[in-house]
């Protein structure tokens, strides 16, 4: 099981990074810190 945390201020501004992170690491769980 892969768990990834992602620290973001605005998900719209970082959506391209989130998509890249998901495609590269293929996590089972993603935690968002705003």
PDB file of N, CA and C in Angstrom:
ATOM      1  N   UNK A   1       0.852  -1.172   0.000  1.00  0.00           N
ATOM      2  CA  UNK A   1       0.000   0.000   0.000  1.00  0.00           C
ATOM      3  C   UNK A   1       0.901   1.238   0.000  1.00  0.00           C
ATOM      4  N   UNK A   2       0.645   2.137  -0.931  1.00  0.00           N
ATOM      5  CA  UNK A   2       1.385   3.399  -1.005  1.00  0.00           C
ATOM      6  C   UNK A   2       0.516   4.535  -0.501  1.00  0.00           C
ATOM      7  N   UNK A   3       1.098   5.326   0.398  1.00  0.00           N
ATOM      8  CA  UNK A   3       0.422   6.510   0.922  1.00  0.00           C
ATOM      9  C   UNK A   3       1.268   7.721   0.549  1.00  0.00           C
ATOM     10  N   UNK A   4       0.616   8.724  -0.023  1.00  0.00           N
ATOM     11  CA  UNK A   4       1.300   9.936  -0.460  1.00  0.00           C
ATOM     12  C   UNK A   4       0.637  11.132   0.198  1.00  0.00           C
ATOM     13  N   UNK A   5       1.459  12.074   0.686  1.00  0.00           N
ATOM     14  CA  UNK A   5       0.903  13.328   1.206  1.00  0.00           C
ATOM     15  C   UNK A   5       1.294  14.452   0.257  1.00  0.00           C
ATOM     16  N   UNK A   6       0.399  15.407   0.111  1.00  0.00           N
ATOM     17  CA  UNK A   6       0.595  16.493  -0.845  1.00  0.00           C
ATOM     18  C   UNK A   6       0.226  17.794  -0.168  1.00  0.00           C
ATOM     19  N   UNK A   7       1.200  18.686  -0.020  1.00  0.00           N
ATOM     20  CA  UNK A   7       0.983  19.974   0.631  1.00  0.00           C
ATOM     21  C   UNK A   7       0.662  21.011  -0.440  1.00  0.00           C
ATOM     22  N   UNK A   8      -0.547  21.565  -0.397  1.00  0.00           N
ATOM     23  CA  UNK A   8      -0.969  22.512  -1.429  1.00  0.00           C
ATOM     24  C   UNK A   8      -1.644  23.721  -0.810  1.00  0.00           C
ATOM     25  N   UNK A   9      -1.515  24.856  -1.477  1.00  0.00           N
ATOM     26  CA  UNK A   9      -2.240  26.055  -1.078  1.00  0.00           C
ATOM     27  C   UNK A   9      -3.486  26.214  -1.931  1.00  0.00           C
ATOM     28  N   UNK A  10      -3.386  25.864  -3.188  1.00  0.00           N
ATOM     29  CA  UNK A  10      -4.519  25.953  -4.107  1.00  0.00           C
ATOM     30  C   UNK A  10      -4.470  24.762  -5.051  1.00  0.00           C
ATOM     31  N   UNK A  11      -5.439  23.874  -4.946  1.00  0.00           N
ATOM     32  CA  UNK A  11      -5.415  22.662  -5.765  1.00  0.00           C
ATOM     33  C   UNK A  11      -5.511  22.984  -7.253  1.00  0.00           C
ATOM     34  N   UNK A  12      -6.199  24.045  -7.611  1.00  0.00           N
ATOM     35  CA  UNK A  12      -6.296  24.416  -9.031  1.00  0.00           C
ATOM     36  C   UNK A  12      -4.943  24.815  -9.601  1.00  0.00           C
ATOM     37  N   UNK A  13      -4.149  25.497  -8.805  1.00  0.00           N
ATOM     38  CA  UNK A  13      -2.830  25.930  -9.265  1.00  0.00           C
ATOM     39  C   UNK A  13      -1.843  24.774  -9.345  1.00  0.00           C
ATOM     40  N   UNK A  14      -2.079  23.727  -8.584  1.00  0.00           N
ATOM     41  CA  UNK A  14      -1.151  22.589  -8.514  1.00  0.00           C
ATOM     42  C   UNK A  14      -1.700  21.312  -9.143  1.00  0.00           C
ATOM     43  N   UNK A  15      -2.784  21.409  -9.864  1.00  0.00           N
ATOM     44  CA  UNK A  15      -3.430  20.220 -10.418  1.00  0.00           C
ATOM     45  C   UNK A  15      -2.492  19.432 -11.326  1.00  0.00           C
ATOM     46  N   UNK A  16      -1.694  20.117 -12.139  1.00  0.00           N
ATOM     47  CA  UNK A  16      -0.764  19.421 -13.029  1.00  0.00           C
ATOM     48  C   UNK A  16       0.275  18.629 -12.237  1.00  0.00           C
ATOM     49  N   UNK A  17       0.720  19.162 -11.099  1.00  0.00           N
ATOM     50  CA  UNK A  17       1.676  18.441 -10.260  1.00  0.00           C
ATOM     51  C   UNK A  17       1.024  17.224  -9.607  1.00  0.00           C
ATOM     52  N   UNK A  18      -0.224  17.382  -9.187  1.00  0.00           N
ATOM     53  CA  UNK A  18      -0.947  16.271  -8.576  1.00  0.00           C
ATOM     54  C   UNK A  18      -1.155  15.145  -9.581  1.00  0.00           C
ATOM     55  N   UNK A  19      -1.531  15.490 -10.807  1.00  0.00           N
ATOM     56  CA  UNK A  19      -1.718  14.478 -11.851  1.00  0.00           C
ATOM     57  C   UNK A  19      -0.411  13.738 -12.129  1.00  0.00           C
ATOM     58  N   UNK A  20       0.685  14.456 -12.164  1.00  0.00           N
ATOM     59  CA  UNK A  20       1.993  13.845 -12.386  1.00  0.00           C
ATOM     60  C   UNK A  20       2.360  12.908 -11.237  1.00  0.00           C
ATOM     61  N   UNK A  21       2.138  13.358 -10.009  1.00  0.00           N
ATOM     62  CA  UNK A  21       2.432  12.555  -8.830  1.00  0.00           C
ATOM     63  C   UNK A  21       1.644  11.243  -8.851  1.00  0.00           C
ATOM     64  N   UNK A  22       0.369  11.324  -9.202  1.00  0.00           N
ATOM     65  CA  UNK A  22      -0.479  10.132  -9.247  1.00  0.00           C
ATOM     66  C   UNK A  22      -0.018   9.176 -10.340  1.00  0.00           C
ATOM     67  N   UNK A  23       0.299   9.698 -11.511  1.00  0.00           N
ATOM     68  CA  UNK A  23       0.697   8.822 -12.616  1.00  0.00           C
ATOM     69  C   UNK A  23       2.053   8.163 -12.367  1.00  0.00           C
ATOM     70  N   UNK A  24       2.959   8.863 -11.705  1.00  0.00           N
ATOM     71  CA  UNK A  24       4.288   8.300 -11.443  1.00  0.00           C
ATOM     72  C   UNK A  24       4.260   7.292 -10.302  1.00  0.00           C
ATOM     73  N   UNK A  25       3.625   7.641  -9.189  1.00  0.00           N
ATOM     74  CA  UNK A  25       3.688   6.821  -7.978  1.00  0.00           C
ATOM     75  C   UNK A  25       2.510   5.875  -7.797  1.00  0.00           C
ATOM     76  N   UNK A  26       1.406   6.110  -8.454  1.00  0.00           N
ATOM     77  CA  UNK A  26       0.196   5.291  -8.363  1.00  0.00           C
ATOM     78  C   UNK A  26      -0.150   4.931  -6.908  1.00  0.00           C
ATOM     79  N   UNK A  27      -0.416   5.951  -6.082  1.00  0.00           N
ATOM     80  CA  UNK A  27      -0.692   5.700  -4.665  1.00  0.00           C
ATOM     81  C   UNK A  27      -2.080   5.108  -4.435  1.00  0.00           C
ATOM     82  N   UNK A  28      -2.224   4.416  -3.310  1.00  0.00           N
ATOM     83  CA  UNK A  28      -3.519   3.891  -2.886  1.00  0.00           C
ATOM     84  C   UNK A  28      -4.287   4.935  -2.082  1.00  0.00           C
ATOM     85  N   UNK A  29      -3.555   5.770  -1.337  1.00  0.00           N
ATOM     86  CA  UNK A  29      -4.157   6.799  -0.490  1.00  0.00           C
ATOM     87  C   UNK A  29      -3.399   8.107  -0.708  1.00  0.00           C
ATOM     88  N   UNK A  30      -4.146   9.219  -0.817  1.00  0.00           N
ATOM     89  CA  UNK A  30      -3.530  10.537  -0.945  1.00  0.00           C
ATOM     90  C   UNK A  30      -4.054  11.424   0.175  1.00  0.00           C
ATOM     91  N   UNK A  31      -3.130  12.018   0.942  1.00  0.00           N
ATOM     92  CA  UNK A  31      -3.505  12.962   1.990  1.00  0.00           C
ATOM     93  C   UNK A  31      -3.199  14.371   1.531  1.00  0.00           C
ATOM     94  N   UNK A  32      -4.153  15.274   1.713  1.00  0.00           N
ATOM     95  CA  UNK A  32      -3.978  16.665   1.313  1.00  0.00           C
ATOM     96  C   UNK A  32      -3.820  17.538   2.546  1.00  0.00           C
ATOM     97  N   UNK A  33      -2.816  18.400   2.520  1.00  0.00           N
ATOM     98  CA  UNK A  33      -2.592  19.373   3.580  1.00  0.00           C
ATOM     99  C   UNK A  33      -2.722  20.748   2.963  1.00  0.00           C
ATOM    100  N   UNK A  34      -3.674  21.512   3.440  1.00  0.00           N
ATOM    101  CA  UNK A  34      -3.943  22.833   2.862  1.00  0.00           C
ATOM    102  C   UNK A  34      -3.500  23.902   3.829  1.00  0.00           C
TER     103      UNK A  34
END
